[in-house]
Amino acid sequence: MLNVNDNKEEFYSRFFDQLSQSQNWPGIYFFKFIVKSESDNLSKLKSIFSAKKAFFFEKKSSKKKFTSLSIKVNMNSPKEVIEIYKFCSKLKGVIAL
């Protein structure tokens, strides 16, 4: 789970370094989010990737209250990945893993 504490810039700087070292760019990246099933944030998350050829995988929790959304998509750079996480952090009730 992304743990963005008081110092967001430091967190994103470390995350950028980790992404840069962990794979080649451009490359496939897996995003994973948890959203309340009744929320419109599920469609908002999907719309972020509408211009890309993304593959979506959804799984509802056992009581169907939450939906796990996994997204497999080609990303150009670590910066692009971080921009998406920053945007998603503004959506209330969305948990990024």
PDB file of N, CA and C in Angstrom:
ATOM      1  N   MET A   1       0.847  -1.161   0.000  1.00  0.00           N
ATOM      2  CA  MET A   1       0.000   0.000   0.000  1.00  0.00           C
ATOM      3  C   MET A   1       0.894   1.226   0.000  1.00  0.00           C
ATOM      4  N   LEU A   2       0.490   2.223  -0.742  1.00  0.00           N
ATOM      5  CA  LEU A   2       1.248   3.455  -0.750  1.00  0.00           C
ATOM      6  C   LEU A   2       1.044   4.172   0.571  1.00  0.00           C
ATOM      7  N   ASN A   3       2.121   4.452   1.246  1.00  0.00           N
ATOM      8  CA  ASN A   3       2.049   5.110   2.539  1.00  0.00           C
ATOM      9  C   ASN A   3       2.649   6.501   2.405  1.00  0.00           C
ATOM     10  N   VAL A   4       1.809   7.444   2.021  1.00  0.00           N
ATOM     11  CA  VAL A   4       2.266   8.816   1.845  1.00  0.00           C
ATOM     12  C   VAL A   4       2.099   9.512   3.183  1.00  0.00           C
ATOM     13  N   ASN A   5       3.216   9.781   3.837  1.00  0.00           N
ATOM     14  CA  ASN A   5       3.155  10.411   5.147  1.00  0.00           C
ATOM     15  C   ASN A   5       3.211  11.928   5.023  1.00  0.00           C
ATOM     16  N   ASP A   6       3.650  12.589   6.076  1.00  0.00           N
ATOM     17  CA  ASP A   6       3.668  14.052   6.106  1.00  0.00           C
ATOM     18  C   ASP A   6       4.515  14.663   4.992  1.00  0.00           C
ATOM     19  N   ASN A   7       5.598  14.005   4.598  1.00  0.00           N
ATOM     20  CA  ASN A   7       6.496  14.555   3.597  1.00  0.00           C
ATOM     21  C   ASN A   7       6.259  13.865   2.253  1.00  0.00           C
ATOM     22  N   LYS A   8       5.273  14.334   1.521  1.00  0.00           N
ATOM     23  CA  LYS A   8       4.885  13.697   0.261  1.00  0.00           C
ATOM     24  C   LYS A   8       5.988  13.758  -0.790  1.00  0.00           C
ATOM     25  N   GLU A   9       6.663  14.882  -0.868  1.00  0.00           N
ATOM     26  CA  GLU A   9       7.704  15.023  -1.898  1.00  0.00           C
ATOM     27  C   GLU A   9       8.842  14.034  -1.674  1.00  0.00           C
ATOM     28  N   GLU A  10       9.215  13.817  -0.425  1.00  0.00           N
ATOM     29  CA  GLU A  10      10.254  12.842  -0.118  1.00  0.00           C
ATOM     30  C   GLU A  10       9.795  11.430  -0.496  1.00  0.00           C
ATOM     31  N   PHE A  11       8.537  11.137  -0.169  1.00  0.00           N
ATOM     32  CA  PHE A  11       7.981   9.831  -0.523  1.00  0.00           C
ATOM     33  C   PHE A  11       8.023   9.627  -2.038  1.00  0.00           C
ATOM     34  N   TYR A  12       7.513  10.599  -2.784  1.00  0.00           N
ATOM     35  CA  TYR A  12       7.465  10.458  -4.237  1.00  0.00           C
ATOM     36  C   TYR A  12       8.858  10.429  -4.855  1.00  0.00           C
ATOM     37  N   SER A  13       9.811  11.103  -4.248  1.00  0.00           N
ATOM     38  CA  SER A  13      11.188  11.053  -4.730  1.00  0.00           C
ATOM     39  C   SER A  13      11.762   9.637  -4.574  1.00  0.00           C
ATOM     40  N   ARG A  14      11.541   9.037  -3.400  1.00  0.00           N
ATOM     41  CA  ARG A  14      12.003   7.652  -3.184  1.00  0.00           C
ATOM     42  C   ARG A  14      11.280   6.690  -4.122  1.00  0.00           C
ATOM     43  N   PHE A  15       9.983   6.897  -4.276  1.00  0.00           N
ATOM     44  CA  PHE A  15       9.186   6.038  -5.146  1.00  0.00           C
ATOM     45  C   PHE A  15       9.675   6.144  -6.591  1.00  0.00           C
ATOM     46  N   PHE A  16       9.987   7.351  -7.034  1.00  0.00           N
ATOM     47  CA  PHE A  16      10.525   7.567  -8.376  1.00  0.00           C
ATOM     48  C   PHE A  16      11.816   6.769  -8.559  1.00  0.00           C
ATOM     49  N   ASP A  17      12.709   6.851  -7.575  1.00  0.00           N
ATOM     50  CA  ASP A  17      13.972   6.113  -7.652  1.00  0.00           C
ATOM     51  C   ASP A  17      13.734   4.606  -7.726  1.00  0.00           C
ATOM     52  N   GLN A  18      12.812   4.114  -6.911  1.00  0.00           N
ATOM     53  CA  GLN A  18      12.508   2.679  -6.914  1.00  0.00           C
ATOM     54  C   GLN A  18      11.939   2.238  -8.253  1.00  0.00           C
ATOM     55  N   LEU A  19      11.028   3.035  -8.799  1.00  0.00           N
ATOM     56  CA  LEU A  19      10.451   2.694 -10.105  1.00  0.00           C
ATOM     57  C   LEU A  19      11.523   2.721 -11.198  1.00  0.00           C
ATOM     58  N   SER A  20      12.398   3.703 -11.134  1.00  0.00           N
ATOM     59  CA  SER A  20      13.461   3.832 -12.147  1.00  0.00           C
ATOM     60  C   SER A  20      14.380   2.625 -12.146  1.00  0.00           C
ATOM     61  N   GLN A  21      14.661   2.099 -10.949  1.00  0.00           N
ATOM     62  CA  GLN A  21      15.594   0.986 -10.823  1.00  0.00           C
ATOM     63  C   GLN A  21      14.941  -0.383 -11.002  1.00  0.00           C
ATOM     64  N   SER A  22      13.639  -0.452 -10.828  1.00  0.00           N
ATOM     65  CA  SER A  22      12.980  -1.760 -10.806  1.00  0.00           C
ATOM     66  C   SER A  22      12.628  -2.308 -12.187  1.00  0.00           C
ATOM     67  N   GLN A  23      12.574  -1.446 -13.192  1.00  0.00           N
ATOM     68  CA  GLN A  23      12.222  -1.938 -14.524  1.00  0.00           C
ATOM     69  C   GLN A  23      12.666  -0.964 -15.593  1.00  0.00           C
ATOM     70  N   ASN A  24      12.545  -1.417 -16.826  1.00  0.00           N
ATOM     71  CA  ASN A  24      12.885  -0.572 -17.971  1.00  0.00           C
ATOM     72  C   ASN A  24      11.661   0.232 -18.386  1.00  0.00           C
ATOM     73  N   TRP A  25      11.928   1.447 -18.847  1.00  0.00           N
ATOM     74  CA  TRP A  25      10.846   2.332 -19.283  1.00  0.00           C
ATOM     75  C   TRP A  25      11.035   2.704 -20.732  1.00  0.00           C
ATOM     76  N   PRO A  26       9.978   2.793 -21.523  1.00  0.00           N
ATOM     77  CA  PRO A  26       8.594   2.478 -21.186  1.00  0.00           C
ATOM     78  C   PRO A  26       8.424   0.997 -20.879  1.00  0.00           C
ATOM     79  N   GLY A  27       7.377   0.695 -20.114  1.00  0.00           N
ATOM     80  CA  GLY A  27       7.139  -0.686 -19.723  1.00  0.00           C
ATOM     81  C   GLY A  27       5.771  -0.883 -19.111  1.00  0.00           C
ATOM     82  N   ILE A  28       5.439  -2.143 -18.907  1.00  0.00           N
ATOM     83  CA  ILE A  28       4.151  -2.511 -18.324  1.00  0.00           C
ATOM     84  C   ILE A  28       4.197  -2.231 -16.817  1.00  0.00           C
ATOM     85  N   TYR A  29       3.134  -1.608 -16.327  1.00  0.00           N
ATOM     86  CA  TYR A  29       3.018  -1.336 -14.892  1.00  0.00           C
ATOM     87  C   TYR A  29       1.647  -1.801 -14.425  1.00  0.00           C
ATOM     88  N   PHE A  30       1.593  -2.350 -13.211  1.00  0.00           N
ATOM     89  CA  PHE A  30       0.341  -2.796 -12.609  1.00  0.00           C
ATOM     90  C   PHE A  30      -0.071  -1.821 -11.517  1.00  0.00           C
ATOM     91  N   PHE A  31      -1.220  -1.228 -11.694  1.00  0.00           N
ATOM     92  CA  PHE A  31      -1.824  -0.410 -10.654  1.00  0.00           C
ATOM     93  C   PHE A  31      -2.860  -1.271  -9.951  1.00  0.00           C
ATOM     94  N   LYS A  32      -3.049  -1.027  -8.654  1.00  0.00           N
ATOM     95  CA  LYS A  32      -4.103  -1.727  -7.940  1.00  0.00           C
ATOM     96  C   LYS A  32      -4.747  -0.759  -6.961  1.00  0.00           C
ATOM     97  N   PHE A  33      -6.077  -0.717  -7.011  1.00  0.00           N
ATOM     98  CA  PHE A  33      -6.850   0.175  -6.162  1.00  0.00           C
ATOM     99  C   PHE A  33      -7.986  -0.606  -5.519  1.00  0.00           C
ATOM    100  N   ILE A  34      -8.419  -0.132  -4.367  1.00  0.00           N
ATOM    101  CA  ILE A  34      -9.610  -0.657  -3.720  1.00  0.00           C
ATOM    102  C   ILE A  34     -10.579   0.506  -3.569  1.00  0.00           C
ATOM    103  N   VAL A  35     -11.825   0.246  -3.977  1.00  0.00           N
ATOM    104  CA  VAL A  35     -12.848   1.284  -4.007  1.00  0.00           C
ATOM    105  C   VAL A  35     -14.146   0.709  -3.460  1.00  0.00           C
ATOM    106  N   LYS A  36     -14.949   1.540  -2.801  1.00  0.00           N
ATOM    107  CA  LYS A  36     -16.284   1.088  -2.417  1.00  0.00           C
ATOM    108  C   LYS A  36     -17.054   0.779  -3.686  1.00  0.00           C
ATOM    109  N   SER A  37     -17.710  -0.360  -3.705  1.00  0.00           N
ATOM    110  CA  SER A  37     -18.387  -0.825  -4.917  1.00  0.00           C
ATOM    111  C   SER A  37     -19.452   0.152  -5.403  1.00  0.00           C
ATOM    112  N   GLU A  38     -20.112   0.839  -4.499  1.00  0.00           N
ATOM    113  CA  GLU A  38     -21.189   1.755  -4.875  1.00  0.00           C
ATOM    114  C   GLU A  38     -20.684   3.125  -5.325  1.00  0.00           C
ATOM    115  N   SER A  39     -19.404   3.363  -5.190  1.00  0.00           N
ATOM    116  CA  SER A  39     -18.823   4.657  -5.518  1.00  0.00           C
ATOM    117  C   SER A  39     -18.673   4.837  -7.024  1.00  0.00           C
ATOM    118  N   ASP A  40     -18.757   6.083  -7.462  1.00  0.00           N
ATOM    119  CA  ASP A  40     -18.511   6.371  -8.882  1.00  0.00           C
ATOM    120  C   ASP A  40     -17.021   6.481  -9.181  1.00  0.00           C
ATOM    121  N   ASN A  41     -16.194   6.296  -8.152  1.00  0.00           N
ATOM    122  CA  ASN A  41     -14.738   6.377  -8.346  1.00  0.00           C
ATOM    123  C   ASN A  41     -14.203   5.240  -9.203  1.00  0.00           C
ATOM    124  N   LEU A  42     -14.912   4.134  -9.261  1.00  0.00           N
ATOM    125  CA  LEU A  42     -14.476   3.027 -10.114  1.00  0.00           C
ATOM    126  C   LEU A  42     -14.439   3.475 -11.572  1.00  0.00           C
ATOM    127  N   SER A  43     -15.481   4.141 -12.013  1.00  0.00           N
ATOM    128  CA  SER A  43     -15.499   4.634 -13.395  1.00  0.00           C
ATOM    129  C   SER A  43     -14.508   5.780 -13.593  1.00  0.00           C
ATOM    130  N   LYS A  44     -14.292   6.594 -12.561  1.00  0.00           N
ATOM    131  CA  LYS A  44     -13.298   7.673 -12.657  1.00  0.00           C
ATOM    132  C   LYS A  44     -11.898   7.091 -12.838  1.00  0.00           C
ATOM    133  N   LEU A  45     -11.592   6.045 -12.070  1.00  0.00           N
ATOM    134  CA  LEU A  45     -10.279   5.408 -12.210  1.00  0.00           C
ATOM    135  C   LEU A  45     -10.101   4.844 -13.615  1.00  0.00           C
ATOM    136  N   LYS A  46     -11.113   4.187 -14.120  1.00  0.00           N
ATOM    137  CA  LYS A  46     -11.015   3.614 -15.468  1.00  0.00           C
ATOM    138  C   LYS A  46     -10.836   4.705 -16.518  1.00  0.00           C
ATOM    139  N   SER A  47     -11.492   5.840 -16.321  1.00  0.00           N
ATOM    140  CA  SER A  47     -11.405   6.912 -17.320  1.00  0.00           C
ATOM    141  C   SER A  47     -10.002   7.505 -17.413  1.00  0.00           C
ATOM    142  N   ILE A  48      -9.227   7.415 -16.335  1.00  0.00           N
ATOM    143  CA  ILE A  48      -7.847   7.909 -16.363  1.00  0.00           C
ATOM    144  C   ILE A  48      -7.040   7.181 -17.437  1.00  0.00           C
ATOM    145  N   PHE A  49      -7.385   5.929 -17.661  1.00  0.00           N
ATOM    146  CA  PHE A  49      -6.635   5.092 -18.595  1.00  0.00           C
ATOM    147  C   PHE A  49      -7.338   4.925 -19.938  1.00  0.00           C
ATOM    148  N   SER A  50      -8.369   5.741 -20.203  1.00  0.00           N
ATOM    149  CA  SER A  50      -9.164   5.573 -21.421  1.00  0.00           C
ATOM    150  C   SER A  50      -8.354   5.802 -22.701  1.00  0.00           C
ATOM    151  N   ALA A  51      -7.337   6.628 -22.643  1.00  0.00           N
ATOM    152  CA  ALA A  51      -6.528   6.910 -23.835  1.00  0.00           C
ATOM    153  C   ALA A  51      -5.444   5.852 -24.058  1.00  0.00           C
ATOM    154  N   LYS A  52      -5.302   4.950 -23.097  1.00  0.00           N
ATOM    155  CA  LYS A  52      -4.282   3.909 -23.204  1.00  0.00           C
ATOM    156  C   LYS A  52      -4.955   2.562 -23.420  1.00  0.00           C
ATOM    157  N   LYS A  53      -4.204   1.623 -23.919  1.00  0.00           N
ATOM    158  CA  LYS A  53      -4.714   0.263 -24.084  1.00  0.00           C
ATOM    159  C   LYS A  53      -4.499  -0.487 -22.771  1.00  0.00           C
ATOM    160  N   ALA A  54      -5.365  -0.225 -21.820  1.00  0.00           N
ATOM    161  CA  ALA A  54      -5.234  -0.821 -20.489  1.00  0.00           C
ATOM    162  C   ALA A  54      -6.123  -2.051 -20.372  1.00  0.00           C
ATOM    163  N   PHE A  55      -5.676  -2.985 -19.555  1.00  0.00           N
ATOM    164  CA  PHE A  55      -6.463  -4.166 -19.233  1.00  0.00           C
ATOM    165  C   PHE A  55      -6.925  -4.027 -17.790  1.00  0.00           C
ATOM    166  N   PHE A  56      -8.222  -4.180 -17.574  1.00  0.00           N
ATOM    167  CA  PHE A  56      -8.813  -4.007 -16.251  1.00  0.00           C
ATOM    168  C   PHE A  56      -9.246  -5.356 -15.696  1.00  0.00           C
ATOM    169  N   PHE A  57      -8.996  -5.539 -14.421  1.00  0.00           N
ATOM    170  CA  PHE A  57      -9.419  -6.747 -13.710  1.00  0.00           C
ATOM    171  C   PHE A  57     -10.136  -6.289 -12.442  1.00  0.00           C
ATOM    172  N   GLU A  58     -11.378  -6.714 -12.297  1.00  0.00           N
ATOM    173  CA  GLU A  58     -12.157  -6.334 -11.125  1.00  0.00           C
ATOM    174  C   GLU A  58     -12.505  -7.570 -10.313  1.00  0.00           C
ATOM    175  N   LYS A  59     -12.498  -7.378  -8.988  1.00  0.00           N
ATOM    176  CA  LYS A  59     -12.918  -8.455  -8.100  1.00  0.00           C
ATOM    177  C   LYS A  59     -13.623  -7.831  -6.913  1.00  0.00           C
ATOM    178  N   LYS A  60     -14.846  -8.273  -6.664  1.00  0.00           N
ATOM    179  CA  LYS A  60     -15.612  -7.765  -5.529  1.00  0.00           C
ATOM    180  C   LYS A  60     -15.253  -8.544  -4.270  1.00  0.00           C
ATOM    181  N   SER A  61     -15.330  -7.851  -3.138  1.00  0.00           N
ATOM    182  CA  SER A  61     -15.092  -8.506  -1.853  1.00  0.00           C
ATOM    183  C   SER A  61     -16.221  -9.499  -1.583  1.00  0.00           C
ATOM    184  N   SER A  62     -16.029 -10.352  -0.603  1.00  0.00           N
ATOM    185  CA  SER A  62     -17.019 -11.404  -0.324  1.00  0.00           C
ATOM    186  C   SER A  62     -18.397 -10.838  -0.002  1.00  0.00           C
ATOM    187  N   LYS A  63     -18.454  -9.685   0.626  1.00  0.00           N
ATOM    188  CA  LYS A  63     -19.747  -9.069   0.948  1.00  0.00           C
ATOM    189  C   LYS A  63     -20.154  -8.025  -0.091  1.00  0.00           C
ATOM    190  N   LYS A  64     -19.359  -7.921  -1.146  1.00  0.00           N
ATOM    191  CA  LYS A  64     -19.630  -7.028  -2.280  1.00  0.00           C
ATOM    192  C   LYS A  64     -19.614  -5.535  -1.925  1.00  0.00           C
ATOM    193  N   LYS A  65     -19.025  -5.179  -0.774  1.00  0.00           N
ATOM    194  CA  LYS A  65     -18.943  -3.774  -0.378  1.00  0.00           C
ATOM    195  C   LYS A  65     -17.812  -3.040  -1.088  1.00  0.00           C
ATOM    196  N   PHE A  66     -16.752  -3.767  -1.407  1.00  0.00           N
ATOM    197  CA  PHE A  66     -15.576  -3.166  -2.023  1.00  0.00           C
ATOM    198  C   PHE A  66     -15.228  -3.887  -3.320  1.00  0.00           C
ATOM    199  N   THR A  67     -14.582  -3.145  -4.200  1.00  0.00           N
ATOM    200  CA  THR A  67     -14.107  -3.713  -5.457  1.00  0.00           C
ATOM    201  C   THR A  67     -12.618  -3.441  -5.585  1.00  0.00           C
ATOM    202  N   SER A  68     -11.886  -4.482  -5.913  1.00  0.00           N
ATOM    203  CA  SER A  68     -10.467  -4.354  -6.197  1.00  0.00           C
ATOM    204  C   SER A  68     -10.340  -4.152  -7.705  1.00  0.00           C
ATOM    205  N   LEU A  69      -9.660  -3.099  -8.100  1.00  0.00           N
ATOM    206  CA  LEU A  69      -9.439  -2.808  -9.516  1.00  0.00           C
ATOM    207  C   LEU A  69      -7.949  -2.875  -9.793  1.00  0.00           C
ATOM    208  N   SER A  70      -7.559  -3.831 -10.623  1.00  0.00           N
ATOM    209  CA  SER A  70      -6.164  -3.947 -11.065  1.00  0.00           C
ATOM    210  C   SER A  70      -6.104  -3.499 -12.513  1.00  0.00           C
ATOM    211  N   ILE A  71      -5.071  -2.771 -12.834  1.00  0.00           N
ATOM    212  CA  ILE A  71      -4.926  -2.221 -14.180  1.00  0.00           C
ATOM    213  C   ILE A  71      -3.530  -2.540 -14.685  1.00  0.00           C
ATOM    214  N   LYS A  72      -3.480  -3.191 -15.811  1.00  0.00           N
ATOM    215  CA  LYS A  72      -2.214  -3.508 -16.473  1.00  0.00           C
ATOM    216  C   LYS A  72      -2.116  -2.592 -17.690  1.00  0.00           C
ATOM    217  N   VAL A  73      -1.073  -1.764 -17.705  1.00  0.00           N
ATOM    218  CA  VAL A  73      -0.993  -0.752 -18.757  1.00  0.00           C
ATOM    219  C   VAL A  73       0.465  -0.422 -19.052  1.00  0.00           C
ATOM    220  N   ASN A  74       0.731  -0.056 -20.288  1.00  0.00           N
ATOM    221  CA  ASN A  74       2.067   0.384 -20.672  1.00  0.00           C
ATOM    222  C   ASN A  74       2.234   1.850 -20.278  1.00  0.00           C
ATOM    223  N   MET A  75       3.268   2.126 -19.505  1.00  0.00           N
ATOM    224  CA  MET A  75       3.542   3.484 -19.052  1.00  0.00           C
ATOM    225  C   MET A  75       4.882   3.930 -19.632  1.00  0.00           C
ATOM    226  N   ASN A  76       4.998   5.224 -19.876  1.00  0.00           N
ATOM    227  CA  ASN A  76       6.205   5.757 -20.506  1.00  0.00           C
ATOM    228  C   ASN A  76       7.354   5.989 -19.540  1.00  0.00           C
ATOM    229  N   SER A  77       7.020   6.311 -18.275  1.00  0.00           N
ATOM    230  CA  SER A  77       8.081   6.675 -17.336  1.00  0.00           C
ATOM    231  C   SER A  77       7.579   6.584 -15.898  1.00  0.00           C
ATOM    232  N   PRO A  78       8.501   6.559 -14.945  1.00  0.00           N
ATOM    233  CA  PRO A  78       8.101   6.614 -13.539  1.00  0.00           C
ATOM    234  C   PRO A  78       7.320   7.889 -13.216  1.00  0.00           C
ATOM    235  N   LYS A  79       7.685   8.978 -13.862  1.00  0.00           N
ATOM    236  CA  LYS A  79       6.983  10.251 -13.640  1.00  0.00           C
ATOM    237  C   LYS A  79       5.506  10.117 -13.997  1.00  0.00           C
ATOM    238  N   GLU A  80       5.220   9.440 -15.084  1.00  0.00           N
ATOM    239  CA  GLU A  80       3.834   9.251 -15.509  1.00  0.00           C
ATOM    240  C   GLU A  80       3.059   8.410 -14.483  1.00  0.00           C
ATOM    241  N   VAL A  81       3.700   7.389 -13.925  1.00  0.00           N
ATOM    242  CA  VAL A  81       3.081   6.547 -12.899  1.00  0.00           C
ATOM    243  C   VAL A  81       2.754   7.395 -11.671  1.00  0.00           C
ATOM    244  N   ILE A  82       3.695   8.205 -11.241  1.00  0.00           N
ATOM    245  CA  ILE A  82       3.507   9.033 -10.053  1.00  0.00           C
ATOM    246  C   ILE A  82       2.410  10.069 -10.265  1.00  0.00           C
ATOM    247  N   GLU A  83       2.328  10.628 -11.464  1.00  0.00           N
ATOM    248  CA  GLU A  83       1.260  11.593 -11.751  1.00  0.00           C
ATOM    249  C   GLU A  83      -0.118  10.957 -11.576  1.00  0.00           C
ATOM    250  N   ILE A  84      -0.259   9.710 -11.992  1.00  0.00           N
ATOM    251  CA  ILE A  84      -1.537   9.010 -11.831  1.00  0.00           C
ATOM    252  C   ILE A  84      -1.825   8.778 -10.356  1.00  0.00           C
ATOM    253  N   TYR A  85      -0.833   8.344  -9.592  1.00  0.00           N
ATOM    254  CA  TYR A  85      -1.046   8.143  -8.159  1.00  0.00           C
ATOM    255  C   TYR A  85      -1.410   9.453  -7.456  1.00  0.00           C
ATOM    256  N   LYS A  86      -0.782  10.543  -7.841  1.00  0.00           N
ATOM    257  CA  LYS A  86      -1.102  11.829  -7.235  1.00  0.00           C
ATOM    258  C   LYS A  86      -2.540  12.231  -7.544  1.00  0.00           C
ATOM    259  N   PHE A  87      -2.972  12.025  -8.773  1.00  0.00           N
ATOM    260  CA  PHE A  87      -4.348  12.343  -9.141  1.00  0.00           C
ATOM    261  C   PHE A  87      -5.332  11.477  -8.353  1.00  0.00           C
ATOM    262  N   CYS A  88      -5.028  10.190  -8.258  1.00  0.00           N
ATOM    263  CA  CYS A  88      -5.925   9.257  -7.567  1.00  0.00           C
ATOM    264  C   CYS A  88      -5.995   9.538  -6.073  1.00  0.00           C
ATOM    265  N   SER A  89      -4.940  10.106  -5.517  1.00  0.00           N
ATOM    266  CA  SER A  89      -4.945  10.406  -4.079  1.00  0.00           C
ATOM    267  C   SER A  89      -5.967  11.481  -3.739  1.00  0.00           C
ATOM    268  N   LYS A  90      -6.440  12.209  -4.744  1.00  0.00           N
ATOM    269  CA  LYS A  90      -7.450  13.245  -4.524  1.00  0.00           C
ATOM    270  C   LYS A  90      -8.868  12.681  -4.543  1.00  0.00           C
ATOM    271  N   LEU A  91      -9.023  11.427  -4.975  1.00  0.00           N
ATOM    272  CA  LEU A  91     -10.345  10.793  -5.015  1.00  0.00           C
ATOM    273  C   LEU A  91     -10.662  10.203  -3.654  1.00  0.00           C
ATOM    274  N   LYS A  92     -11.702  10.708  -3.038  1.00  0.00           N
ATOM    275  CA  LYS A  92     -12.064  10.279  -1.692  1.00  0.00           C
ATOM    276  C   LYS A  92     -12.494   8.814  -1.692  1.00  0.00           C
ATOM    277  N   GLY A  93     -11.925   8.057  -0.772  1.00  0.00           N
ATOM    278  CA  GLY A  93     -12.304   6.656  -0.615  1.00  0.00           C
ATOM    279  C   GLY A  93     -11.560   5.677  -1.508  1.00  0.00           C
ATOM    280  N   VAL A  94     -10.574   6.161  -2.254  1.00  0.00           N
ATOM    281  CA  VAL A  94      -9.781   5.285  -3.111  1.00  0.00           C
ATOM    282  C   VAL A  94      -8.495   4.924  -2.366  1.00  0.00           C
ATOM    283  N   ILE A  95      -8.220   3.632  -2.269  1.00  0.00           N
ATOM    284  CA  ILE A  95      -6.998   3.150  -1.631  1.00  0.00           C
ATOM    285  C   ILE A  95      -6.088   2.604  -2.717  1.00  0.00           C
ATOM    286  N   ALA A  96      -4.887   3.142  -2.806  1.00  0.00           N
ATOM    287  CA  ALA A  96      -3.899   2.656  -3.775  1.00  0.00           C
ATOM    288  C   ALA A  96      -3.009   1.639  -3.080  1.00  0.00           C
ATOM    289  N   LEU A  97      -2.802   0.508  -3.735  1.00  0.00           N
ATOM    290  CA  LEU A  97      -1.930  -0.531  -3.184  1.00  0.00           C
ATOM    291  C   LEU A  97      -0.647  -0.604  -3.981  1.00  0.00           C
TER     292      LEU A  97
END
